[in-house]
Protein backbone atom coordinates (compact mmCIF):
# COMPACT_ATOMS: atom_id res chain seq x y z
CA UNK A 1 0.11 -0.04 0.08
CA UNK A 2 1.50 3.26 -1.11
CA UNK A 3 1.62 6.17 1.34
CA UNK A 4 0.19 9.52 0.25
CA UNK A 5 3.58 11.13 0.38
CA UNK A 6 5.03 13.14 -2.50
CA UNK A 7 8.70 12.31 -3.04
CA UNK A 8 11.29 14.84 -4.41
CA UNK A 9 14.98 13.90 -5.26
CA UNK A 10 17.57 16.66 -5.41
CA UNK A 11 20.15 15.23 -7.73
CA UNK A 12 22.21 18.41 -8.33
CA UNK A 13 22.49 21.93 -7.04
CA UNK A 14 19.86 23.64 -9.27
CA UNK A 15 17.23 21.22 -8.32
CA UNK A 16 17.08 22.70 -4.96
CA UNK A 17 15.94 26.05 -6.24
CA UNK A 18 13.26 25.06 -8.83
CA UNK A 19 11.69 22.23 -6.83
CA UNK A 20 11.65 24.21 -3.58
CA UNK A 21 8.50 26.30 -4.62
CA UNK A 22 6.72 23.10 -5.67
CA UNK A 23 7.64 21.51 -2.20
CA UNK A 24 6.57 24.57 -0.33
CA UNK A 25 3.17 24.95 -2.17
CA UNK A 26 2.20 21.37 -1.42
CA UNK A 27 3.17 21.73 2.19
CA UNK A 28 0.94 24.64 2.53
CA UNK A 29 -1.72 22.57 1.13
CA UNK A 30 -1.23 20.00 3.81
CA UNK A 31 0.28 17.33 1.46
CA UNK A 32 3.03 15.26 3.05
CA UNK A 33 6.35 15.60 1.38
CA UNK A 34 9.73 13.63 1.51
CA UNK A 35 12.96 14.79 0.11
CA UNK A 36 16.15 12.83 -0.69
CA UNK A 37 19.41 14.43 -2.01
CA UNK A 38 22.62 13.42 -3.63
CA UNK A 39 25.84 14.56 -2.01
CA UNK A 40 27.13 16.34 -5.29
CA UNK A 41 28.51 19.84 -5.90
CA UNK A 42 26.84 22.10 -3.26
CA UNK A 43 23.36 20.24 -3.25
CA UNK A 44 23.33 19.34 0.47
CA UNK A 45 24.71 22.65 1.57
CA UNK A 46 22.26 24.78 -0.53
CA UNK A 47 19.15 22.58 0.67
CA UNK A 48 20.35 23.21 4.14
CA UNK A 49 20.64 26.99 3.46
CA UNK A 50 17.01 26.99 2.11
CA UNK A 51 15.57 25.18 5.23
CA UNK A 52 14.72 21.86 3.41
CA UNK A 53 14.51 18.68 5.39
CA UNK A 54 16.10 15.91 3.41
CA UNK A 55 17.90 12.58 3.61
CA UNK A 56 21.18 12.08 1.77
CA UNK A 57 21.24 9.18 -0.49
CA UNK A 58 24.36 7.88 -2.32
CA UNK A 59 27.82 9.57 -2.98
CA UNK A 60 29.26 12.50 -4.79
CA UNK A 61 29.87 12.74 -8.48
CA UNK A 62 31.94 10.30 -10.59
CA UNK A 63 33.81 10.73 -13.81
CA UNK A 64 33.69 8.80 -17.03
CA UNK A 65 30.53 7.90 -19.00
CA UNK A 66 30.59 4.29 -17.96
CA UNK A 67 31.10 4.87 -14.24
CA UNK A 68 28.32 7.58 -14.47
CA UNK A 69 25.86 4.91 -15.65
CA UNK A 70 26.86 2.38 -13.24
CA UNK A 71 26.65 4.75 -10.38
CA UNK A 72 23.37 6.14 -11.56
CA UNK A 73 22.03 2.56 -11.45
CA UNK A 74 23.48 1.84 -8.06
CA UNK A 75 22.01 5.07 -6.70
CA UNK A 76 18.70 4.03 -8.08
CA UNK A 77 18.78 0.77 -6.14
CA UNK A 78 19.68 2.96 -3.00
CA UNK A 79 16.66 5.19 -3.79
CA UNK A 80 14.42 2.10 -4.24
CA UNK A 81 15.55 0.79 -0.85
CA UNK A 82 14.84 4.15 0.73
CA UNK A 83 11.26 4.24 -0.91
CA UNK A 84 10.49 0.79 0.26
CA UNK A 85 11.37 1.80 3.93
CA UNK A 86 9.13 4.95 3.53
CA UNK A 87 6.16 2.86 2.61
CA UNK A 88 6.37 3.54 -1.18
CA UNK A 89 5.60 7.20 -1.76
CA UNK A 90 2.44 7.96 -3.74
CA UNK A 91 4.32 10.20 -6.48
CA UNK A 92 7.75 11.14 -7.49
CA UNK A 93 8.35 14.81 -8.74
CA UNK A 94 11.95 15.31 -9.86
CA UNK A 95 14.68 16.12 -12.32
CA UNK A 96 16.74 13.12 -11.14
CA UNK A 97 17.51 10.23 -13.60
CA UNK A 98 18.32 7.71 -10.59
CA UNK A 99 15.04 8.59 -8.89
CA UNK A 100 13.04 8.11 -12.20
CA UNK A 101 14.50 4.57 -12.64
CA UNK A 102 13.79 3.92 -9.03
CA UNK A 103 10.29 5.08 -9.35
CA UNK A 104 9.79 2.85 -12.52
CA UNK A 105 11.16 -0.16 -10.71
CA UNK A 106 8.72 0.33 -7.60
CA UNK A 107 5.77 1.13 -9.60
CA UNK A 108 5.63 4.79 -8.47
CA UNK A 109 4.06 7.29 -10.71
CA UNK A 110 6.48 10.10 -11.69
CA UNK A 111 6.36 13.62 -13.06
CA UNK A 112 9.54 14.81 -14.43
CA UNK A 113 11.07 18.19 -15.27
CA UNK A 114 13.76 18.94 -17.86
CA UNK A 115 14.86 21.80 -19.94
CA UNK A 116 17.90 20.52 -21.92
CA UNK A 117 16.96 18.32 -24.82
CA UNK A 118 20.45 17.02 -25.34
CA UNK A 119 20.85 15.46 -21.86
CA UNK A 120 20.18 11.91 -21.23
CA UNK A 121 16.26 11.55 -21.36
CA UNK A 122 15.56 7.94 -21.38
CA UNK A 123 15.09 7.61 -17.53
CA UNK A 124 12.45 10.40 -17.71
CA UNK A 125 10.87 9.10 -21.07
CA UNK A 126 10.35 5.63 -19.60
CA UNK A 127 9.58 6.33 -15.98
CA UNK A 128 7.66 9.83 -15.99
CA UNK A 129 4.26 11.04 -17.27
CA UNK A 130 4.27 13.69 -18.05
CA UNK A 131 7.78 15.27 -18.40
CA UNK A 132 7.42 19.12 -18.13
CA UNK A 133 9.44 21.29 -20.32
CA UNK A 134 9.64 25.07 -20.71
CA UNK A 135 7.22 26.20 -23.39
CA UNK A 136 10.10 27.47 -25.51
CA UNK A 137 10.98 23.78 -26.13
CA UNK A 138 7.72 23.16 -28.12
CA UNK A 139 9.72 23.95 -31.37
CA UNK A 140 12.75 22.15 -30.26
CA UNK A 141 13.91 18.91 -31.92
CA UNK A 142 12.95 16.70 -29.14
CA UNK A 143 13.70 12.85 -29.18
CA UNK A 144 10.63 10.99 -30.03
CA UNK A 145 10.25 9.03 -26.76
CA UNK A 146 10.47 12.26 -24.82
CA UNK A 147 7.97 14.00 -27.22
CA UNK A 148 5.36 11.35 -26.52
CA UNK A 149 5.32 12.18 -22.75
CA UNK A 150 6.04 15.97 -22.91
CA UNK A 151 3.96 18.67 -21.56
CA UNK A 152 4.81 22.43 -21.22
CA UNK A 153 4.71 25.28 -18.92
CA UNK A 154 5.05 28.93 -19.40
CA UNK A 155 8.33 30.49 -18.88
CA UNK A 156 11.66 29.05 -17.80
CA UNK A 157 12.31 26.70 -14.78
CA UNK A 158 13.92 29.58 -13.18
CA UNK A 159 10.86 31.59 -13.26
CA UNK A 160 9.43 28.94 -10.83
CA UNK A 161 11.48 30.37 -8.07
CA UNK A 162 12.60 33.92 -9.23
CA UNK A 163 9.16 35.39 -10.01
CA UNK A 164 8.28 35.62 -6.35
CA UNK A 165 11.67 36.13 -4.98
CA UNK A 166 11.29 39.90 -4.89
CA UNK A 167 15.02 40.50 -6.06
CA UNK A 168 15.91 43.90 -7.46
CA UNK A 169 19.26 45.28 -8.54
CA UNK A 170 19.34 48.03 -5.92
CA UNK A 171 18.56 45.89 -2.91
CA UNK A 172 20.96 43.04 -3.99
CA UNK A 173 23.67 45.70 -4.46
CA UNK A 174 23.14 47.07 -0.90
CA UNK A 175 23.28 43.58 0.61
CA UNK A 176 26.56 43.05 -1.04
CA UNK A 177 27.79 46.49 -0.04
CA UNK A 178 28.39 47.50 -3.56
CA UNK A 179 28.32 50.92 -4.99
CA UNK A 180 25.69 51.84 -7.65
CA UNK A 181 28.46 52.46 -10.14
CA UNK A 182 30.56 49.32 -9.55
CA UNK A 183 30.90 47.04 -12.55
CA UNK A 184 30.13 43.66 -11.20
CA UNK A 185 30.54 40.29 -13.01
CA UNK A 186 29.23 37.00 -11.58
CA UNK A 187 31.04 34.11 -13.31
CA UNK A 188 30.96 30.28 -12.95
CA UNK A 189 33.30 27.96 -14.77
CA UNK A 190 31.98 25.21 -17.13
CA UNK A 191 30.95 21.88 -15.66
CA UNK A 192 33.98 19.68 -16.43
CA UNK A 193 32.36 16.22 -15.65
CA UNK A 194 28.77 16.62 -17.23
CA UNK A 195 27.92 13.70 -19.42
CA UNK A 196 27.08 16.22 -22.19
CA UNK A 197 30.28 18.32 -21.85
CA UNK A 198 32.72 18.71 -24.66
CA UNK A 199 36.11 20.62 -25.15
CA UNK A 200 35.94 21.40 -21.46
CA UNK A 201 39.59 22.15 -21.17
CA UNK A 202 39.44 24.81 -23.94
CA UNK A 203 36.21 26.10 -22.64
CA UNK A 204 37.66 26.49 -19.02
CA UNK A 205 40.68 28.24 -20.26
CA UNK A 206 38.71 30.75 -22.37
CA UNK A 207 36.53 31.38 -19.39
CA UNK A 208 39.53 32.19 -17.29
CA UNK A 209 40.90 34.59 -19.88
CA UNK A 210 37.62 36.51 -20.13
CA UNK A 211 37.63 36.75 -16.21
CA UNK A 212 41.12 38.19 -16.36
CA UNK A 213 40.43 40.49 -19.08
CA UNK A 214 37.24 41.85 -17.32
CA UNK A 215 39.31 42.36 -14.22
CA UNK A 216 42.10 44.15 -15.64
CA UNK A 217 40.47 46.02 -18.70
CA UNK A 218 37.07 46.82 -17.18
CA UNK A 219 38.03 47.30 -13.45
CA UNK A 220 35.36 44.70 -12.60
CA UNK A 221 34.46 43.28 -9.37
CA UNK A 222 34.27 39.49 -9.76
CA UNK A 223 32.30 36.86 -7.79
CA UNK A 224 33.77 33.56 -9.00
CA UNK A 225 31.43 30.60 -8.14
CA UNK A 226 33.05 27.13 -8.19
CA UNK A 227 30.90 24.08 -8.94
CA UNK A 228 32.95 21.80 -6.35
CA UNK A 229 36.07 21.73 -4.30
CA UNK A 230 38.21 20.88 -7.25
CA UNK A 231 37.17 24.11 -9.12
CA UNK A 232 37.48 26.12 -5.83
CA UNK A 233 41.17 25.11 -5.52
CA UNK A 234 41.77 25.82 -9.26
CA UNK A 235 40.23 29.36 -8.85
CA UNK A 236 42.13 30.08 -5.74
CA UNK A 237 45.26 29.22 -7.47
CA UNK A 238 44.41 31.03 -10.68
CA UNK A 239 43.06 34.34 -9.21
CA UNK A 240 44.76 34.65 -5.88
CA UNK A 241 46.59 37.78 -7.02
CA UNK A 242 43.65 39.66 -8.45
CA UNK A 243 42.39 42.03 -5.85
CA UNK A 244 38.77 42.42 -6.94
CA UNK A 245 38.27 38.73 -7.59
CA UNK A 246 36.34 37.05 -4.88
CA UNK A 247 36.36 33.12 -5.04
CA UNK A 248 33.19 32.17 -2.99
CA UNK A 249 34.23 29.63 -0.33
CA UNK A 250 30.71 28.72 0.79
CA UNK A 251 27.18 28.52 -0.63
CA UNK A 252 25.66 31.91 -1.17
CA UNK A 253 22.39 33.02 -2.60
CA UNK A 254 23.33 32.89 -6.38
CA UNK A 255 20.25 34.71 -7.61
CA UNK A 256 21.07 37.65 -5.28
CA UNK A 257 24.40 37.69 -6.90
CA UNK A 258 22.89 37.62 -10.41
CA UNK A 259 20.55 40.35 -9.66
CA UNK A 260 23.36 42.61 -8.52
CA UNK A 261 25.47 41.89 -11.80
CA UNK A 262 26.21 43.98 -14.72
CA UNK A 263 27.14 40.76 -16.47
CA UNK A 264 27.15 36.94 -16.00
CA UNK A 265 29.73 34.77 -17.45
CA UNK A 266 28.92 31.13 -17.35
CA UNK A 267 29.63 27.70 -18.57
CA UNK A 268 25.89 27.36 -19.34
CA UNK A 269 22.72 26.22 -17.68
CA UNK A 270 21.07 27.70 -14.74
CA UNK A 271 22.86 30.96 -14.13
CA UNK A 272 22.43 32.12 -17.67
CA UNK A 273 18.69 31.57 -17.43
CA UNK A 274 18.60 33.32 -13.99
CA UNK A 275 20.26 36.18 -15.82
CA UNK A 276 17.48 36.09 -18.47
CA UNK A 277 14.70 36.08 -15.88
CA UNK A 278 16.20 38.94 -13.85
CA UNK A 279 17.20 41.28 -16.70
CA UNK A 280 21.04 40.77 -16.73
CA UNK A 281 23.12 40.08 -19.91
CA UNK A 282 24.87 36.88 -20.09
CA UNK A 283 27.97 35.50 -22.01
CA UNK A 284 28.09 31.68 -22.35
CA UNK A 285 31.20 29.67 -23.05
CA UNK A 286 29.23 26.46 -23.11
CA UNK A 287 30.64 24.01 -25.77
CA UNK A 288 28.25 21.16 -25.62
CA UNK A 289 25.32 20.65 -27.97
CA UNK A 290 23.62 24.17 -27.81
CA UNK A 291 20.48 24.20 -25.74
CA UNK A 292 17.50 25.32 -27.60
CA UNK A 293 16.61 27.59 -24.70
CA UNK A 294 19.91 29.44 -24.86
CA UNK A 295 19.48 29.78 -28.65
CA UNK A 296 16.12 31.39 -27.93
CA UNK A 297 17.72 33.59 -25.42
CA UNK A 298 20.46 34.60 -27.82
CA UNK A 299 17.80 35.51 -30.53
CA UNK A 300 16.11 37.62 -27.80
CA UNK A 301 19.43 39.42 -27.11
CA UNK A 302 19.76 38.33 -23.73
CA UNK A 303 22.76 35.78 -24.16
CA UNK A 304 25.82 35.91 -26.26
CA UNK A 305 27.84 32.87 -27.23
CA UNK A 306 31.65 33.35 -26.61
CA UNK A 307 32.62 29.69 -27.22
CA UNK A 308 35.66 30.38 -29.16
CA UNK A 309 38.35 33.21 -29.59
CA UNK A 310 36.55 34.46 -32.66
CA UNK A 311 33.33 34.93 -30.90
CA UNK A 312 35.03 36.37 -27.94
CA UNK A 313 36.75 38.96 -30.19
CA UNK A 314 33.34 40.03 -31.67
CA UNK A 315 31.97 40.28 -28.14
CA UNK A 316 34.88 42.59 -27.05
CA UNK A 317 34.50 44.72 -30.08
CA UNK A 318 30.90 45.29 -29.59
CA UNK A 319 31.36 45.90 -25.72
CA UNK A 320 29.45 44.98 -22.65
CA UNK A 321 25.70 45.21 -23.45
CA UNK A 322 23.04 47.31 -21.40
CA UNK A 323 20.65 45.67 -18.90
CA UNK A 324 17.79 43.89 -20.77
CA UNK A 325 14.17 43.83 -19.54
CA UNK A 326 13.31 40.97 -17.09
CA UNK A 327 11.82 37.75 -18.75
CA UNK A 328 8.60 37.17 -17.02
CA UNK A 329 6.84 36.70 -14.68
CA UNK A 330 5.11 33.58 -15.76
CA UNK A 331 2.97 32.64 -12.61
CA UNK A 332 0.94 29.95 -14.74
CA UNK A 333 3.85 27.77 -14.98
CA UNK A 334 4.06 26.83 -11.30
CA UNK A 335 0.30 26.39 -11.10
CA UNK A 336 0.36 24.11 -14.05
CA UNK A 337 2.96 21.83 -12.38
CA UNK A 338 1.11 21.81 -9.00
CA UNK A 339 -2.23 21.06 -10.72
CA UNK A 340 -0.53 18.08 -12.41
CA UNK A 341 0.56 16.73 -8.96
CA UNK A 342 -2.77 17.06 -7.58
CA UNK A 343 -4.33 15.23 -10.55
CA UNK A 344 -1.78 12.25 -10.21
CA UNK A 345 -2.59 12.19 -6.39
CA UNK A 346 -6.27 12.04 -7.16
CA UNK A 347 -5.65 9.33 -9.59
CA UNK A 348 -6.91 11.42 -12.46
CA UNK A 349 -5.12 11.36 -15.95
CA UNK A 350 -2.38 13.87 -16.22
CA UNK A 351 -2.42 15.19 -19.91
CA UNK A 352 0.54 15.18 -22.25
CA UNK A 353 0.85 17.09 -25.26
CA UNK A 354 2.11 15.31 -28.57
CA UNK A 355 4.23 17.76 -30.44
CA UNK A 356 5.39 17.26 -33.98
């Protein structure tokens, strides 16, 4: 007999942020929630900082495609054992591959969330119905199995938590004790061990060069956000002699930093989209298969690709862009996902949208 608990698994740091508003909404509605988390990057630290109660399951990240697959399956077994001990939760809501596999093994219905069409989708395509994607992905070249279980919500996943965060540039700068005319760059290196990563050494070196140029040529105040301890040690060594470069040593509120910035420089993903939502220009050195979302943001003038020397030289020639408008709010996105959770709990069909 399944319990009436909704299960969330936090497999990576960004999952904490965009699943948190769903968790809180359900808790306010009196629905029982249980959270597991993978000790990877800064996931546990951020979950603790956000006041989420969770149980760690598994170990940190591993390298190599084969080892990632084997470890993912191993963690799925651990999560399945956890779910059995908890009386088999009624529903999983997650962006976690391991949890999606575990839910399928255990016969637990699952709702997935994805926003990168080139990431490994099969655990979600097989284990989740629906898989929610941002509405910009309606026109993306989605794999057929994912297309069959896809449903869409308004905005970006970052809108789920930023639309109601109340962040603004002036307040964020005051919290960081920054002057109104300081030129502030928030920069995060590329993910070196992601399964979709390509040319990561070249990308990391270009990222570091741009950071140095921004410091030396634009008198920038830099907030450098490592993804893990390995990157923290690299950044400490690389930028220890730069007086305005701050290598963050603990988990801080990333969106507050982004809201205070004049430019975001990232290896791709969440921070670039936070910048779009908050109205901050972004440069991306991401060299994996280009995300459809980021291509859309580039066409909107919110993101610039700087994946190679040639693109960087064009960016330098054109200069630092001004602040764009914010992208959103999109309150209907969160409502759509929460409604799907209720439908599943009430054993009503959750609609999917077949897209061509």
